Amino acid sequence: MNQEQTMSVYIAVSLDGYIATQEGNVDWLHHIEGDGDNGYDHYYSGTDAVIMGRNTYETILSFDVPFPYSGKDCYVYTNTRYGADENVTFINGTIEELISSLATLSYTKCWITGGGQLISELINKKYITEFMVTIAPVILGSGIPLLTGIKDFQSLNLVNTTRYGQFVELHYDFK
């Protein structure tokens, strides 16, 4: 990652820390009163590239809707798929190789859209510079956790809070 690049997490989570049900379902987000698009268009318009893990990508494809990130450079971090398809370029190797390949490109803000394992690995390696999490007022009880295997204490700086109906967005920078 070069000095001018922001590696940003922007994600919704249940009050008990899950980003999806165990099956990858996020329908519970659509049953909560929000405000417009809950800040999504503003955030999305400020990103240059979208990065996700393979499970997140496959879940998006299962929604039976047009690929939501057309028009942006999209990358999937995986060691099981290679090359590219009509939506994304697959990046293989280590987290360091992922970051190194992105550093050669002129992106200002890269959005890490999921999943929890990729986000956790990037936090452990101290590559995430911005963390925006929208708390949904639901308790799932189980599911896919936002963070797993965080190795070290890390302190964040609260930049802003925004309310969108029943959602609350917390915007942090890493110190």
N, C-alpha and C. Protein backbone atom coordinates (compact mmCIF):
# COMPACT_ATOMS: atom_id res chain seq x y z
N MET A 1 0.85 -1.17 0.00
CA MET A 1 0.00 0.00 0.00
C MET A 1 0.89 1.23 0.00
N ASN A 2 0.57 2.18 -0.87
CA ASN A 2 1.37 3.40 -0.86
C ASN A 2 0.76 4.42 0.11
N GLN A 3 1.51 5.48 0.41
CA GLN A 3 1.12 6.44 1.44
C GLN A 3 -0.21 7.13 1.13
N GLU A 4 -0.56 7.27 -0.14
CA GLU A 4 -1.77 7.99 -0.52
C GLU A 4 -3.01 7.10 -0.51
N GLN A 5 -2.85 5.80 -0.36
CA GLN A 5 -3.99 4.90 -0.40
C GLN A 5 -4.63 4.71 0.96
N THR A 6 -5.97 4.70 0.95
CA THR A 6 -6.74 4.36 2.12
C THR A 6 -7.33 2.97 1.90
N MET A 7 -7.12 2.10 2.86
CA MET A 7 -7.76 0.79 2.85
C MET A 7 -8.90 0.89 3.85
N SER A 8 -10.12 0.85 3.33
CA SER A 8 -11.29 1.19 4.12
C SER A 8 -12.25 0.00 4.23
N VAL A 9 -12.69 -0.25 5.45
CA VAL A 9 -13.76 -1.23 5.69
C VAL A 9 -15.05 -0.43 5.84
N TYR A 10 -16.09 -0.86 5.13
CA TYR A 10 -17.41 -0.24 5.24
C TYR A 10 -18.39 -1.41 5.24
N ILE A 11 -19.02 -1.65 6.38
CA ILE A 11 -19.80 -2.88 6.52
C ILE A 11 -20.89 -2.70 7.58
N ALA A 12 -21.95 -3.46 7.45
CA ALA A 12 -23.02 -3.48 8.45
C ALA A 12 -22.85 -4.73 9.31
N VAL A 13 -23.27 -4.60 10.57
CA VAL A 13 -23.10 -5.70 11.51
C VAL A 13 -24.28 -5.70 12.48
N SER A 14 -24.66 -6.88 12.92
CA SER A 14 -25.69 -6.99 13.94
C SER A 14 -25.11 -6.52 15.27
N LEU A 15 -25.97 -6.25 16.22
CA LEU A 15 -25.52 -5.78 17.53
C LEU A 15 -24.60 -6.80 18.19
N ASP A 16 -24.78 -8.09 17.88
CA ASP A 16 -23.91 -9.11 18.47
C ASP A 16 -22.72 -9.47 17.57
N GLY A 17 -22.42 -8.64 16.58
CA GLY A 17 -21.16 -8.76 15.86
C GLY A 17 -21.14 -9.63 14.63
N TYR A 18 -22.28 -9.94 14.02
CA TYR A 18 -22.31 -10.80 12.84
C TYR A 18 -22.62 -9.98 11.59
N ILE A 19 -21.94 -10.34 10.49
CA ILE A 19 -22.16 -9.65 9.21
C ILE A 19 -23.17 -10.37 8.33
N ALA A 20 -23.49 -11.60 8.69
CA ALA A 20 -24.46 -12.41 7.93
C ALA A 20 -24.85 -13.61 8.77
N THR A 21 -25.92 -14.27 8.35
CA THR A 21 -26.27 -15.53 9.00
C THR A 21 -25.22 -16.57 8.61
N GLN A 22 -25.30 -17.74 9.21
CA GLN A 22 -24.33 -18.80 8.91
C GLN A 22 -24.35 -19.16 7.42
N GLU A 23 -25.49 -18.99 6.77
CA GLU A 23 -25.64 -19.31 5.34
C GLU A 23 -25.23 -18.14 4.45
N GLY A 24 -24.81 -17.03 5.03
CA GLY A 24 -24.41 -15.86 4.24
C GLY A 24 -25.56 -14.91 3.93
N ASN A 25 -26.70 -15.11 4.55
CA ASN A 25 -27.88 -14.30 4.27
C ASN A 25 -27.79 -12.96 5.02
N VAL A 26 -28.15 -11.88 4.31
CA VAL A 26 -28.18 -10.55 4.93
C VAL A 26 -29.56 -9.90 4.81
N ASP A 27 -30.58 -10.70 4.57
CA ASP A 27 -31.95 -10.18 4.44
C ASP A 27 -32.41 -9.42 5.67
N TRP A 28 -31.90 -9.77 6.83
CA TRP A 28 -32.29 -9.09 8.06
C TRP A 28 -32.02 -7.59 8.00
N LEU A 29 -31.08 -7.16 7.16
CA LEU A 29 -30.78 -5.73 7.03
C LEU A 29 -31.93 -4.96 6.37
N HIS A 30 -32.71 -5.64 5.54
CA HIS A 30 -33.77 -4.98 4.78
C HIS A 30 -35.05 -4.79 5.59
N HIS A 31 -35.08 -5.30 6.81
CA HIS A 31 -36.27 -5.19 7.65
C HIS A 31 -36.12 -4.12 8.73
N ILE A 32 -35.08 -3.31 8.60
CA ILE A 32 -34.80 -2.28 9.59
C ILE A 32 -35.04 -0.92 8.96
N GLU A 33 -35.70 -0.04 9.71
CA GLU A 33 -35.96 1.30 9.20
C GLU A 33 -34.66 2.08 9.11
N GLY A 34 -34.31 2.46 7.89
CA GLY A 34 -33.12 3.26 7.67
C GLY A 34 -33.49 4.65 7.23
N ASP A 35 -32.55 5.32 6.58
CA ASP A 35 -32.77 6.67 6.07
C ASP A 35 -32.15 6.73 4.68
N GLY A 36 -33.00 6.68 3.66
CA GLY A 36 -32.50 6.68 2.28
C GLY A 36 -31.65 5.44 2.04
N ASP A 37 -30.46 5.66 1.52
CA ASP A 37 -29.55 4.54 1.26
C ASP A 37 -28.56 4.35 2.40
N ASN A 38 -28.81 5.02 3.52
CA ASN A 38 -27.97 4.90 4.72
C ASN A 38 -26.52 5.30 4.48
N GLY A 39 -26.30 6.24 3.57
CA GLY A 39 -24.95 6.75 3.32
C GLY A 39 -24.16 5.98 2.29
N TYR A 40 -24.74 4.93 1.72
CA TYR A 40 -24.01 4.06 0.80
C TYR A 40 -23.50 4.80 -0.44
N ASP A 41 -24.37 5.54 -1.13
CA ASP A 41 -23.94 6.20 -2.37
C ASP A 41 -22.80 7.17 -2.14
N HIS A 42 -22.86 7.91 -1.04
CA HIS A 42 -21.77 8.84 -0.73
C HIS A 42 -20.45 8.09 -0.53
N TYR A 43 -20.50 7.02 0.24
CA TYR A 43 -19.29 6.23 0.47
C TYR A 43 -18.79 5.62 -0.84
N TYR A 44 -19.68 4.97 -1.55
CA TYR A 44 -19.31 4.24 -2.78
C TYR A 44 -18.71 5.18 -3.82
N SER A 45 -19.25 6.37 -3.96
CA SER A 45 -18.75 7.30 -4.97
C SER A 45 -17.32 7.74 -4.66
N GLY A 46 -16.88 7.61 -3.42
CA GLY A 46 -15.53 7.99 -3.06
C GLY A 46 -14.51 6.87 -3.10
N THR A 47 -14.91 5.70 -3.61
CA THR A 47 -13.99 4.57 -3.69
C THR A 47 -13.54 4.34 -5.13
N ASP A 48 -12.33 3.84 -5.26
CA ASP A 48 -11.77 3.53 -6.58
C ASP A 48 -11.84 2.05 -6.90
N ALA A 49 -11.72 1.22 -5.88
CA ALA A 49 -11.65 -0.22 -6.08
C ALA A 49 -12.38 -0.93 -4.95
N VAL A 50 -12.89 -2.12 -5.28
CA VAL A 50 -13.61 -2.94 -4.31
C VAL A 50 -12.83 -4.25 -4.17
N ILE A 51 -12.57 -4.64 -2.93
CA ILE A 51 -11.82 -5.87 -2.65
C ILE A 51 -12.64 -6.72 -1.72
N MET A 52 -12.71 -8.01 -2.03
CA MET A 52 -13.48 -8.93 -1.19
C MET A 52 -12.85 -10.30 -1.22
N GLY A 53 -13.26 -11.13 -0.27
CA GLY A 53 -12.85 -12.52 -0.25
C GLY A 53 -13.73 -13.35 -1.17
N ARG A 54 -13.29 -14.56 -1.44
CA ARG A 54 -14.02 -15.45 -2.35
C ARG A 54 -15.42 -15.77 -1.86
N ASN A 55 -15.58 -16.06 -0.57
CA ASN A 55 -16.91 -16.39 -0.04
C ASN A 55 -17.87 -15.22 -0.23
N THR A 56 -17.40 -14.02 0.03
CA THR A 56 -18.25 -12.83 -0.17
C THR A 56 -18.65 -12.72 -1.63
N TYR A 57 -17.69 -12.93 -2.53
CA TYR A 57 -17.99 -12.85 -3.96
C TYR A 57 -19.04 -13.88 -4.37
N GLU A 58 -18.85 -15.11 -3.93
CA GLU A 58 -19.80 -16.16 -4.29
C GLU A 58 -21.19 -15.89 -3.70
N THR A 59 -21.24 -15.31 -2.51
CA THR A 59 -22.52 -14.95 -1.91
C THR A 59 -23.21 -13.87 -2.75
N ILE A 60 -22.46 -12.86 -3.16
CA ILE A 60 -23.03 -11.80 -4.01
C ILE A 60 -23.60 -12.40 -5.30
N LEU A 61 -22.88 -13.31 -5.91
CA LEU A 61 -23.35 -13.93 -7.15
C LEU A 61 -24.63 -14.74 -6.93
N SER A 62 -24.83 -15.26 -5.73
CA SER A 62 -26.01 -16.08 -5.44
C SER A 62 -27.28 -15.25 -5.26
N PHE A 63 -27.15 -13.92 -5.16
CA PHE A 63 -28.31 -13.06 -4.94
C PHE A 63 -29.21 -12.94 -6.16
N ASP A 64 -28.78 -13.38 -7.31
CA ASP A 64 -29.57 -13.33 -8.54
C ASP A 64 -29.99 -11.90 -8.89
N VAL A 65 -29.03 -10.99 -8.76
CA VAL A 65 -29.20 -9.59 -9.16
C VAL A 65 -27.96 -9.21 -9.98
N PRO A 66 -28.04 -8.14 -10.76
CA PRO A 66 -26.83 -7.72 -11.47
C PRO A 66 -25.69 -7.45 -10.49
N PHE A 67 -24.47 -7.68 -10.93
CA PHE A 67 -23.31 -7.47 -10.07
C PHE A 67 -23.31 -6.01 -9.59
N PRO A 68 -23.31 -5.79 -8.27
CA PRO A 68 -23.53 -4.44 -7.75
C PRO A 68 -22.35 -3.47 -7.89
N TYR A 69 -21.18 -3.96 -8.26
CA TYR A 69 -20.00 -3.10 -8.29
C TYR A 69 -19.48 -2.89 -9.71
N SER A 70 -20.33 -3.05 -10.70
CA SER A 70 -19.93 -2.78 -12.09
C SER A 70 -19.49 -1.32 -12.18
N GLY A 71 -18.47 -1.08 -12.95
CA GLY A 71 -17.96 0.27 -13.09
C GLY A 71 -16.81 0.59 -12.15
N LYS A 72 -16.54 -0.29 -11.21
CA LYS A 72 -15.39 -0.14 -10.31
C LYS A 72 -14.44 -1.30 -10.59
N ASP A 73 -13.17 -1.07 -10.35
CA ASP A 73 -12.21 -2.18 -10.40
C ASP A 73 -12.48 -3.05 -9.18
N CYS A 74 -12.71 -4.33 -9.43
CA CYS A 74 -13.05 -5.26 -8.35
C CYS A 74 -12.06 -6.41 -8.31
N TYR A 75 -11.66 -6.75 -7.09
CA TYR A 75 -10.69 -7.82 -6.87
C TYR A 75 -11.22 -8.79 -5.84
N VAL A 76 -10.95 -10.07 -6.08
CA VAL A 76 -11.30 -11.11 -5.12
C VAL A 76 -10.01 -11.78 -4.66
N TYR A 77 -9.79 -11.75 -3.35
CA TYR A 77 -8.63 -12.39 -2.77
C TYR A 77 -8.97 -13.86 -2.54
N THR A 78 -8.25 -14.75 -3.25
CA THR A 78 -8.54 -16.18 -3.18
C THR A 78 -7.32 -16.97 -3.61
N ASN A 79 -7.26 -18.20 -3.16
CA ASN A 79 -6.23 -19.11 -3.65
C ASN A 79 -6.86 -20.30 -4.37
N THR A 80 -8.15 -20.18 -4.72
CA THR A 80 -8.81 -21.28 -5.43
C THR A 80 -9.28 -20.89 -6.83
N ARG A 81 -9.27 -19.61 -7.16
CA ARG A 81 -9.66 -19.17 -8.50
C ARG A 81 -8.56 -18.26 -9.04
N TYR A 82 -8.40 -18.25 -10.36
CA TYR A 82 -7.29 -17.53 -10.97
C TYR A 82 -7.77 -16.72 -12.17
N GLY A 83 -7.00 -15.71 -12.51
CA GLY A 83 -7.33 -14.92 -13.69
C GLY A 83 -8.40 -13.89 -13.40
N ALA A 84 -9.44 -13.91 -14.23
CA ALA A 84 -10.52 -12.94 -14.09
C ALA A 84 -11.79 -13.53 -14.66
N ASP A 85 -12.93 -12.94 -14.30
CA ASP A 85 -14.19 -13.25 -14.96
C ASP A 85 -14.81 -11.92 -15.38
N GLU A 86 -16.07 -11.90 -15.74
CA GLU A 86 -16.69 -10.68 -16.24
C GLU A 86 -16.83 -9.59 -15.18
N ASN A 87 -16.68 -9.94 -13.89
CA ASN A 87 -16.89 -8.98 -12.82
C ASN A 87 -15.62 -8.56 -12.09
N VAL A 88 -14.70 -9.50 -11.91
CA VAL A 88 -13.57 -9.28 -11.00
C VAL A 88 -12.28 -9.86 -11.54
N THR A 89 -11.19 -9.41 -10.91
CA THR A 89 -9.88 -10.02 -11.10
C THR A 89 -9.56 -10.77 -9.82
N PHE A 90 -9.12 -12.01 -9.96
CA PHE A 90 -8.77 -12.81 -8.78
C PHE A 90 -7.30 -12.57 -8.45
N ILE A 91 -7.03 -12.31 -7.16
CA ILE A 91 -5.67 -12.09 -6.69
C ILE A 91 -5.32 -13.23 -5.74
N ASN A 92 -4.20 -13.85 -6.01
CA ASN A 92 -3.76 -15.00 -5.23
C ASN A 92 -2.50 -14.66 -4.45
N GLY A 93 -2.17 -15.51 -3.50
CA GLY A 93 -0.95 -15.33 -2.73
C GLY A 93 -1.23 -14.89 -1.32
N THR A 94 -0.25 -14.20 -0.74
CA THR A 94 -0.35 -13.75 0.65
C THR A 94 -1.03 -12.37 0.71
N ILE A 95 -1.39 -11.98 1.91
CA ILE A 95 -1.95 -10.64 2.12
C ILE A 95 -0.93 -9.59 1.66
N GLU A 96 0.33 -9.81 1.93
CA GLU A 96 1.37 -8.87 1.51
C GLU A 96 1.41 -8.74 -0.01
N GLU A 97 1.21 -9.86 -0.72
CA GLU A 97 1.19 -9.80 -2.19
C GLU A 97 -0.05 -9.07 -2.69
N LEU A 98 -1.18 -9.24 -2.01
CA LEU A 98 -2.39 -8.49 -2.35
C LEU A 98 -2.13 -6.99 -2.22
N ILE A 99 -1.60 -6.58 -1.10
CA ILE A 99 -1.34 -5.16 -0.85
C ILE A 99 -0.30 -4.63 -1.83
N SER A 100 0.73 -5.42 -2.09
CA SER A 100 1.77 -5.00 -3.02
C SER A 100 1.21 -4.79 -4.42
N SER A 101 0.34 -5.67 -4.87
CA SER A 101 -0.24 -5.52 -6.21
C SER A 101 -1.15 -4.30 -6.28
N LEU A 102 -1.86 -3.98 -5.21
CA LEU A 102 -2.72 -2.80 -5.19
C LEU A 102 -1.90 -1.51 -5.12
N ALA A 103 -0.74 -1.57 -4.46
CA ALA A 103 0.11 -0.39 -4.31
C ALA A 103 0.63 0.11 -5.64
N THR A 104 0.72 -0.76 -6.63
CA THR A 104 1.23 -0.35 -7.94
C THR A 104 0.18 0.40 -8.75
N LEU A 105 -1.06 0.39 -8.28
CA LEU A 105 -2.16 1.06 -8.98
C LEU A 105 -2.43 2.41 -8.34
N SER A 106 -3.08 3.28 -9.05
CA SER A 106 -3.25 4.66 -8.57
C SER A 106 -4.57 4.86 -7.82
N TYR A 107 -4.93 3.92 -6.98
CA TYR A 107 -6.15 4.05 -6.20
C TYR A 107 -5.94 4.98 -5.01
N THR A 108 -6.96 5.76 -4.71
CA THR A 108 -6.94 6.60 -3.52
C THR A 108 -7.61 5.87 -2.36
N LYS A 109 -8.76 5.24 -2.65
CA LYS A 109 -9.51 4.56 -1.58
C LYS A 109 -9.97 3.19 -2.06
N CYS A 110 -9.51 2.16 -1.39
CA CYS A 110 -9.92 0.78 -1.68
C CYS A 110 -10.90 0.34 -0.60
N TRP A 111 -12.05 -0.15 -1.02
CA TRP A 111 -13.09 -0.61 -0.10
C TRP A 111 -12.95 -2.11 0.11
N ILE A 112 -12.70 -2.50 1.33
CA ILE A 112 -12.70 -3.91 1.70
C ILE A 112 -14.13 -4.21 2.13
N THR A 113 -14.88 -4.89 1.25
CA THR A 113 -16.30 -5.09 1.49
C THR A 113 -16.60 -6.38 2.25
N GLY A 114 -15.65 -7.23 2.41
CA GLY A 114 -15.87 -8.47 3.15
C GLY A 114 -14.98 -9.56 2.61
N GLY A 115 -14.96 -10.60 3.29
CA GLY A 115 -15.63 -10.93 4.51
C GLY A 115 -14.77 -10.76 5.74
N GLY A 116 -15.32 -11.30 6.81
CA GLY A 116 -14.71 -11.15 8.11
C GLY A 116 -13.28 -11.68 8.19
N GLN A 117 -13.01 -12.79 7.53
CA GLN A 117 -11.64 -13.36 7.58
C GLN A 117 -10.64 -12.42 6.90
N LEU A 118 -11.01 -11.90 5.72
CA LEU A 118 -10.12 -10.98 5.01
C LEU A 118 -9.91 -9.70 5.81
N ILE A 119 -10.98 -9.15 6.34
CA ILE A 119 -10.87 -7.93 7.14
C ILE A 119 -9.96 -8.18 8.34
N SER A 120 -10.15 -9.30 9.00
CA SER A 120 -9.32 -9.63 10.18
C SER A 120 -7.86 -9.77 9.81
N GLU A 121 -7.57 -10.44 8.70
CA GLU A 121 -6.17 -10.58 8.27
C GLU A 121 -5.54 -9.22 7.98
N LEU A 122 -6.29 -8.36 7.31
CA LEU A 122 -5.77 -7.03 6.99
C LEU A 122 -5.58 -6.18 8.24
N ILE A 123 -6.45 -6.32 9.23
CA ILE A 123 -6.27 -5.62 10.50
C ILE A 123 -5.03 -6.16 11.22
N ASN A 124 -4.87 -7.47 11.24
CA ASN A 124 -3.71 -8.06 11.91
C ASN A 124 -2.40 -7.57 11.31
N LYS A 125 -2.39 -7.34 10.01
CA LYS A 125 -1.18 -6.87 9.32
C LYS A 125 -1.07 -5.35 9.31
N LYS A 126 -2.06 -4.68 9.94
CA LYS A 126 -2.09 -3.23 10.07
C LYS A 126 -2.17 -2.50 8.72
N TYR A 127 -2.95 -3.07 7.80
CA TYR A 127 -3.17 -2.43 6.50
C TYR A 127 -4.44 -1.59 6.45
N ILE A 128 -5.39 -1.85 7.33
CA ILE A 128 -6.64 -1.08 7.32
C ILE A 128 -6.36 0.30 7.93
N THR A 129 -6.81 1.34 7.24
CA THR A 129 -6.60 2.71 7.73
C THR A 129 -7.90 3.37 8.18
N GLU A 130 -9.03 2.86 7.69
CA GLU A 130 -10.33 3.45 8.02
C GLU A 130 -11.32 2.31 8.24
N PHE A 131 -12.17 2.47 9.26
CA PHE A 131 -13.12 1.41 9.60
C PHE A 131 -14.48 2.06 9.84
N MET A 132 -15.44 1.77 8.97
CA MET A 132 -16.79 2.31 9.10
C MET A 132 -17.74 1.14 9.26
N VAL A 133 -18.34 1.05 10.43
CA VAL A 133 -19.25 -0.06 10.72
C VAL A 133 -20.62 0.52 11.07
N THR A 134 -21.63 -0.02 10.41
CA THR A 134 -23.00 0.40 10.67
C THR A 134 -23.66 -0.67 11.53
N ILE A 135 -24.10 -0.28 12.71
CA ILE A 135 -24.71 -1.21 13.66
C ILE A 135 -26.20 -1.30 13.37
N ALA A 136 -26.67 -2.53 13.16
CA ALA A 136 -28.09 -2.79 12.95
C ALA A 136 -28.70 -3.25 14.27
N PRO A 137 -29.87 -2.75 14.63
CA PRO A 137 -30.47 -3.10 15.92
C PRO A 137 -31.15 -4.46 15.89
N VAL A 138 -30.36 -5.49 15.62
CA VAL A 138 -30.85 -6.87 15.67
C VAL A 138 -29.79 -7.73 16.35
N ILE A 139 -30.25 -8.81 16.95
CA ILE A 139 -29.35 -9.80 17.53
C ILE A 139 -29.61 -11.10 16.79
N LEU A 140 -28.59 -11.60 16.10
CA LEU A 140 -28.74 -12.81 15.30
C LEU A 140 -28.51 -14.08 16.11
N GLY A 141 -27.68 -14.00 17.13
CA GLY A 141 -27.41 -15.19 17.94
C GLY A 141 -26.30 -16.06 17.41
N SER A 142 -26.14 -16.09 16.11
CA SER A 142 -25.04 -16.83 15.48
C SER A 142 -24.94 -16.34 14.05
N GLY A 143 -23.84 -16.71 13.40
CA GLY A 143 -23.66 -16.30 12.02
C GLY A 143 -22.19 -16.16 11.69
N ILE A 144 -21.90 -15.35 10.68
CA ILE A 144 -20.53 -15.09 10.25
C ILE A 144 -20.06 -13.84 11.00
N PRO A 145 -19.03 -13.99 11.86
CA PRO A 145 -18.59 -12.85 12.66
C PRO A 145 -17.84 -11.81 11.84
N LEU A 146 -17.93 -10.56 12.28
CA LEU A 146 -17.19 -9.49 11.62
C LEU A 146 -15.69 -9.72 11.76
N LEU A 147 -15.23 -10.03 12.94
CA LEU A 147 -13.79 -10.20 13.18
C LEU A 147 -13.51 -11.55 13.82
N THR A 148 -12.46 -12.19 13.35
CA THR A 148 -12.02 -13.46 13.93
C THR A 148 -10.50 -13.50 13.97
N GLY A 149 -9.98 -13.99 15.04
CA GLY A 149 -8.53 -14.19 15.13
C GLY A 149 -7.70 -12.92 15.18
N ILE A 150 -8.25 -11.86 15.75
CA ILE A 150 -7.44 -10.64 15.91
C ILE A 150 -6.34 -10.94 16.92
N LYS A 151 -5.11 -10.62 16.57
CA LYS A 151 -3.96 -11.04 17.36
C LYS A 151 -3.51 -10.03 18.40
N ASP A 152 -3.61 -8.75 18.10
CA ASP A 152 -3.06 -7.75 19.00
C ASP A 152 -4.08 -6.66 19.29
N PHE A 153 -3.93 -6.05 20.45
CA PHE A 153 -4.71 -4.88 20.80
C PHE A 153 -4.43 -3.79 19.78
N GLN A 154 -5.49 -3.13 19.33
CA GLN A 154 -5.33 -1.99 18.43
C GLN A 154 -6.30 -0.91 18.85
N SER A 155 -5.81 0.29 18.89
CA SER A 155 -6.62 1.42 19.30
C SER A 155 -7.08 2.18 18.06
N LEU A 156 -8.34 2.62 18.10
CA LEU A 156 -8.90 3.38 16.99
C LEU A 156 -9.32 4.75 17.48
N ASN A 157 -9.47 5.66 16.55
CA ASN A 157 -9.87 7.02 16.85
C ASN A 157 -11.24 7.26 16.24
N LEU A 158 -12.23 7.61 17.06
CA LEU A 158 -13.56 7.90 16.56
C LEU A 158 -13.55 9.20 15.78
N VAL A 159 -13.94 9.12 14.51
CA VAL A 159 -13.98 10.28 13.63
C VAL A 159 -15.37 10.90 13.63
N ASN A 160 -16.40 10.03 13.57
CA ASN A 160 -17.76 10.55 13.43
C ASN A 160 -18.77 9.45 13.74
N THR A 161 -19.96 9.85 14.14
CA THR A 161 -21.10 8.95 14.23
C THR A 161 -22.23 9.56 13.43
N THR A 162 -22.98 8.71 12.74
CA THR A 162 -24.11 9.18 11.95
C THR A 162 -25.27 8.22 12.16
N ARG A 163 -26.44 8.78 12.36
CA ARG A 163 -27.64 7.96 12.52
C ARG A 163 -28.41 7.97 11.21
N TYR A 164 -28.80 6.77 10.78
CA TYR A 164 -29.66 6.59 9.61
C TYR A 164 -30.88 5.80 10.07
N GLY A 165 -31.92 6.49 10.50
CA GLY A 165 -33.08 5.80 11.04
C GLY A 165 -32.67 5.00 12.26
N GLN A 166 -32.88 3.68 12.20
CA GLN A 166 -32.52 2.80 13.31
C GLN A 166 -31.07 2.32 13.26
N PHE A 167 -30.34 2.65 12.19
CA PHE A 167 -28.92 2.28 12.06
C PHE A 167 -28.04 3.37 12.65
N VAL A 168 -26.88 2.98 13.19
CA VAL A 168 -25.87 3.93 13.64
C VAL A 168 -24.54 3.57 12.98
N GLU A 169 -23.98 4.53 12.28
CA GLU A 169 -22.68 4.32 11.62
C GLU A 169 -21.59 4.90 12.50
N LEU A 170 -20.58 4.09 12.76
CA LEU A 170 -19.41 4.51 13.52
C LEU A 170 -18.24 4.57 12.57
N HIS A 171 -17.59 5.72 12.50
CA HIS A 171 -16.47 5.92 11.58
C HIS A 171 -15.20 6.09 12.41
N TYR A 172 -14.25 5.19 12.21
CA TYR A 172 -12.99 5.19 12.95
C TYR A 172 -11.81 5.25 12.00
N ASP A 173 -10.73 5.85 12.48
CA ASP A 173 -9.40 5.74 11.85
C ASP A 173 -8.54 4.94 12.81
N PHE A 174 -7.59 4.19 12.26
CA PHE A 174 -6.64 3.49 13.11
C PHE A 174 -5.55 4.46 13.52
N LYS A 175 -5.17 4.42 14.79
CA LYS A 175 -4.11 5.31 15.30
C LYS A 175 -2.76 4.83 14.82
